[in-house]
Amino acid sequence: MAVTAAKSVMAFRVLTMAVDLCRLTTRTMNVNAGHERTSKARIIHQIQLIRGITKWCRSLFDKYQTGILIMLIFLRRFPPLMHG
């Protein structure tokens, strides 16, 4: 359940970042001097976060590859029950 929520939050952040990046590159964002700068900084920060999370996941996978594969196979065969 927490993994699904985390994926949703990450997907929303990526979508928001993509929209902001599109607005900045097409100059359709409100051009306040500070607003544009902070938006670029926020986008760069989000990209760095995603890159860091990706590297962290990759290092965990490399370290615990067999265990993760077994868990994924198990979850595919016996998906967890969703409550609520």
N, C-alpha and C. Protein backbone atom coordinates (compact mmCIF):
# COMPACT_ATOMS: atom_id res chain seq x y z
N MET A 1 0.82 -1.19 0.00
CA MET A 1 0.00 0.00 0.00
C MET A 1 0.87 1.27 0.00
N ALA A 2 1.91 1.25 0.85
CA ALA A 2 2.80 2.41 0.92
C ALA A 2 3.58 2.58 -0.37
N VAL A 3 3.94 1.45 -1.00
CA VAL A 3 4.67 1.52 -2.27
C VAL A 3 3.80 2.15 -3.33
N THR A 4 2.52 1.78 -3.37
CA THR A 4 1.60 2.35 -4.35
C THR A 4 1.46 3.85 -4.12
N ALA A 5 1.34 4.27 -2.87
CA ALA A 5 1.23 5.69 -2.56
C ALA A 5 2.50 6.43 -2.97
N ALA A 6 3.65 5.83 -2.70
CA ALA A 6 4.92 6.46 -3.08
C ALA A 6 5.03 6.59 -4.59
N LYS A 7 4.58 5.57 -5.32
CA LYS A 7 4.61 5.64 -6.78
C LYS A 7 3.70 6.75 -7.28
N SER A 8 2.53 6.89 -6.67
CA SER A 8 1.58 7.93 -7.07
C SER A 8 2.16 9.32 -6.83
N VAL A 9 2.78 9.49 -5.67
CA VAL A 9 3.39 10.78 -5.35
C VAL A 9 4.50 11.09 -6.33
N MET A 10 5.34 10.10 -6.61
CA MET A 10 6.45 10.31 -7.55
C MET A 10 5.93 10.62 -8.95
N ALA A 11 4.89 9.89 -9.39
CA ALA A 11 4.32 10.14 -10.71
C ALA A 11 3.75 11.56 -10.78
N PHE A 12 3.09 12.00 -9.71
CA PHE A 12 2.53 13.35 -9.69
C PHE A 12 3.64 14.39 -9.75
N ARG A 13 4.72 14.16 -9.01
CA ARG A 13 5.85 15.10 -9.03
C ARG A 13 6.47 15.18 -10.41
N VAL A 14 6.65 14.03 -11.05
CA VAL A 14 7.24 14.00 -12.39
C VAL A 14 6.33 14.73 -13.36
N LEU A 15 5.02 14.50 -13.27
CA LEU A 15 4.07 15.18 -14.16
C LEU A 15 4.11 16.69 -13.94
N THR A 16 4.08 17.12 -12.69
CA THR A 16 4.15 18.55 -12.37
C THR A 16 5.44 19.15 -12.90
N MET A 17 6.54 18.42 -12.71
CA MET A 17 7.83 18.90 -13.18
C MET A 17 7.83 19.02 -14.71
N ALA A 18 7.25 18.05 -15.39
CA ALA A 18 7.21 18.08 -16.85
C ALA A 18 6.38 19.26 -17.36
N VAL A 19 5.25 19.52 -16.70
CA VAL A 19 4.41 20.66 -17.09
C VAL A 19 5.16 21.97 -16.87
N ASP A 20 5.81 22.11 -15.72
CA ASP A 20 6.58 23.33 -15.44
C ASP A 20 7.72 23.50 -16.43
N LEU A 21 8.40 22.42 -16.74
CA LEU A 21 9.50 22.49 -17.70
C LEU A 21 8.99 22.90 -19.07
N CYS A 22 7.85 22.36 -19.46
CA CYS A 22 7.24 22.73 -20.75
C CYS A 22 6.88 24.21 -20.75
N ARG A 23 6.29 24.69 -19.68
CA ARG A 23 5.92 26.11 -19.59
C ARG A 23 7.14 27.01 -19.65
N LEU A 24 8.21 26.59 -18.97
CA LEU A 24 9.42 27.41 -18.97
C LEU A 24 10.05 27.46 -20.35
N THR A 25 10.09 26.33 -21.02
CA THR A 25 10.75 26.29 -22.33
C THR A 25 9.93 26.96 -23.41
N THR A 26 8.60 26.97 -23.26
CA THR A 26 7.76 27.63 -24.27
C THR A 26 7.41 29.05 -23.87
N ARG A 27 7.90 29.49 -22.73
CA ARG A 27 7.69 30.84 -22.22
C ARG A 27 6.21 31.16 -21.98
N THR A 28 5.42 30.16 -21.60
CA THR A 28 4.01 30.41 -21.29
C THR A 28 3.78 30.54 -19.79
N MET A 29 4.84 30.41 -19.02
CA MET A 29 4.72 30.59 -17.57
C MET A 29 4.77 32.09 -17.28
N ASN A 30 4.09 32.50 -16.22
CA ASN A 30 4.15 33.91 -15.82
C ASN A 30 5.61 34.27 -15.58
N VAL A 31 6.05 35.32 -16.24
CA VAL A 31 7.48 35.63 -16.17
C VAL A 31 7.72 36.70 -15.11
N ASN A 32 7.67 36.29 -13.86
CA ASN A 32 8.19 37.12 -12.78
C ASN A 32 9.64 36.69 -12.63
N ALA A 33 10.51 37.64 -12.45
CA ALA A 33 11.94 37.31 -12.41
C ALA A 33 12.24 36.21 -11.40
N GLY A 34 11.69 36.31 -10.21
CA GLY A 34 11.96 35.31 -9.18
C GLY A 34 11.25 34.00 -9.42
N HIS A 35 10.02 34.08 -9.95
CA HIS A 35 9.21 32.88 -10.15
C HIS A 35 9.87 31.92 -11.14
N GLU A 36 10.37 32.46 -12.24
CA GLU A 36 11.00 31.61 -13.24
C GLU A 36 12.26 30.95 -12.69
N ARG A 37 13.03 31.72 -11.95
CA ARG A 37 14.26 31.18 -11.36
C ARG A 37 13.95 30.08 -10.35
N THR A 38 12.97 30.32 -9.48
CA THR A 38 12.66 29.31 -8.48
C THR A 38 12.06 28.07 -9.11
N SER A 39 11.30 28.25 -10.20
CA SER A 39 10.74 27.09 -10.89
C SER A 39 11.84 26.23 -11.49
N LYS A 40 12.82 26.89 -12.10
CA LYS A 40 13.95 26.14 -12.67
C LYS A 40 14.71 25.41 -11.56
N ALA A 41 14.92 26.10 -10.44
CA ALA A 41 15.63 25.47 -9.32
C ALA A 41 14.85 24.28 -8.79
N ARG A 42 13.51 24.41 -8.71
CA ARG A 42 12.68 23.32 -8.21
C ARG A 42 12.73 22.13 -9.17
N ILE A 43 12.69 22.41 -10.46
CA ILE A 43 12.75 21.33 -11.45
C ILE A 43 14.09 20.61 -11.36
N ILE A 44 15.16 21.37 -11.26
CA ILE A 44 16.49 20.76 -11.15
C ILE A 44 16.57 19.91 -9.88
N HIS A 45 16.01 20.43 -8.78
CA HIS A 45 16.00 19.69 -7.51
C HIS A 45 15.22 18.39 -7.65
N GLN A 46 14.06 18.43 -8.30
CA GLN A 46 13.25 17.22 -8.49
C GLN A 46 14.00 16.19 -9.33
N ILE A 47 14.65 16.65 -10.39
CA ILE A 47 15.43 15.74 -11.24
C ILE A 47 16.53 15.08 -10.42
N GLN A 48 17.21 15.86 -9.58
CA GLN A 48 18.27 15.31 -8.74
C GLN A 48 17.72 14.29 -7.74
N LEU A 49 16.53 14.58 -7.18
CA LEU A 49 15.91 13.63 -6.26
C LEU A 49 15.59 12.32 -6.96
N ILE A 50 14.98 12.42 -8.14
CA ILE A 50 14.63 11.21 -8.89
C ILE A 50 15.88 10.43 -9.26
N ARG A 51 16.92 11.14 -9.67
CA ARG A 51 18.18 10.48 -10.02
C ARG A 51 18.76 9.78 -8.80
N GLY A 52 18.70 10.44 -7.64
CA GLY A 52 19.22 9.83 -6.40
C GLY A 52 18.42 8.61 -5.99
N ILE A 53 17.10 8.69 -6.10
CA ILE A 53 16.25 7.54 -5.76
C ILE A 53 16.53 6.38 -6.71
N THR A 54 16.70 6.70 -7.99
CA THR A 54 16.99 5.65 -8.98
C THR A 54 18.32 4.97 -8.66
N LYS A 55 19.34 5.76 -8.34
CA LYS A 55 20.65 5.18 -7.99
C LYS A 55 20.54 4.32 -6.74
N TRP A 56 19.78 4.80 -5.74
CA TRP A 56 19.61 4.06 -4.49
C TRP A 56 18.90 2.74 -4.75
N CYS A 57 17.84 2.77 -5.56
CA CYS A 57 17.11 1.53 -5.88
C CYS A 57 18.01 0.56 -6.64
N ARG A 58 18.79 1.10 -7.56
CA ARG A 58 19.68 0.25 -8.34
C ARG A 58 20.73 -0.40 -7.44
N SER A 59 21.27 0.36 -6.49
CA SER A 59 22.28 -0.21 -5.59
C SER A 59 21.66 -1.28 -4.69
N LEU A 60 20.43 -1.05 -4.22
CA LEU A 60 19.75 -2.07 -3.43
C LEU A 60 19.50 -3.32 -4.25
N PHE A 61 19.07 -3.12 -5.50
CA PHE A 61 18.81 -4.26 -6.37
C PHE A 61 20.08 -5.05 -6.60
N ASP A 62 21.19 -4.34 -6.86
CA ASP A 62 22.46 -5.04 -7.07
C ASP A 62 22.87 -5.83 -5.83
N LYS A 63 22.62 -5.26 -4.65
CA LYS A 63 23.02 -5.90 -3.41
C LYS A 63 22.13 -7.10 -3.07
N TYR A 64 20.83 -6.93 -3.28
CA TYR A 64 19.87 -7.97 -2.87
C TYR A 64 19.11 -8.54 -4.06
N GLN A 65 19.79 -8.68 -5.18
CA GLN A 65 19.15 -9.06 -6.44
C GLN A 65 18.32 -10.34 -6.33
N THR A 66 18.87 -11.38 -5.80
CA THR A 66 18.15 -12.65 -5.72
C THR A 66 16.91 -12.53 -4.86
N GLY A 67 17.05 -11.91 -3.68
CA GLY A 67 15.91 -11.75 -2.78
C GLY A 67 14.80 -10.92 -3.40
N ILE A 68 15.18 -9.86 -4.09
CA ILE A 68 14.17 -9.00 -4.73
C ILE A 68 13.46 -9.75 -5.83
N LEU A 69 14.19 -10.51 -6.63
CA LEU A 69 13.56 -11.28 -7.71
C LEU A 69 12.59 -12.31 -7.15
N ILE A 70 12.98 -12.99 -6.08
CA ILE A 70 12.08 -13.97 -5.46
C ILE A 70 10.83 -13.28 -4.94
N MET A 71 11.01 -12.11 -4.30
CA MET A 71 9.86 -11.37 -3.79
C MET A 71 8.93 -10.93 -4.92
N LEU A 72 9.50 -10.45 -6.02
CA LEU A 72 8.67 -10.02 -7.16
C LEU A 72 7.90 -11.18 -7.76
N ILE A 73 8.55 -12.33 -7.88
CA ILE A 73 7.87 -13.52 -8.40
C ILE A 73 6.74 -13.92 -7.46
N PHE A 74 7.01 -13.89 -6.16
CA PHE A 74 5.98 -14.24 -5.17
C PHE A 74 4.80 -13.27 -5.25
N LEU A 75 5.10 -11.97 -5.32
CA LEU A 75 4.02 -10.97 -5.37
C LEU A 75 3.21 -11.08 -6.65
N ARG A 76 3.86 -11.48 -7.72
CA ARG A 76 3.12 -11.65 -8.98
C ARG A 76 2.15 -12.83 -8.88
N ARG A 77 2.60 -13.89 -8.22
CA ARG A 77 1.74 -15.08 -8.09
C ARG A 77 0.66 -14.87 -7.04
N PHE A 78 0.99 -14.16 -5.97
CA PHE A 78 0.06 -13.95 -4.86
C PHE A 78 -0.03 -12.45 -4.55
N PRO A 79 -0.77 -11.70 -5.36
CA PRO A 79 -0.83 -10.25 -5.13
C PRO A 79 -1.47 -9.94 -3.77
N PRO A 80 -0.97 -8.90 -3.11
CA PRO A 80 -1.52 -8.55 -1.79
C PRO A 80 -2.97 -8.08 -1.92
N LEU A 81 -3.75 -8.35 -0.89
CA LEU A 81 -5.14 -7.91 -0.88
C LEU A 81 -5.18 -6.41 -0.62
N MET A 82 -6.01 -5.72 -1.37
CA MET A 82 -6.16 -4.28 -1.18
C MET A 82 -7.33 -4.04 -0.25
N HIS A 83 -7.12 -3.28 0.79
CA HIS A 83 -8.18 -2.96 1.75
C HIS A 83 -8.59 -1.50 1.57
N GLY A 84 -9.87 -1.26 1.72
CA GLY A 84 -10.34 0.12 1.70
C GLY A 84 -10.88 0.45 0.41
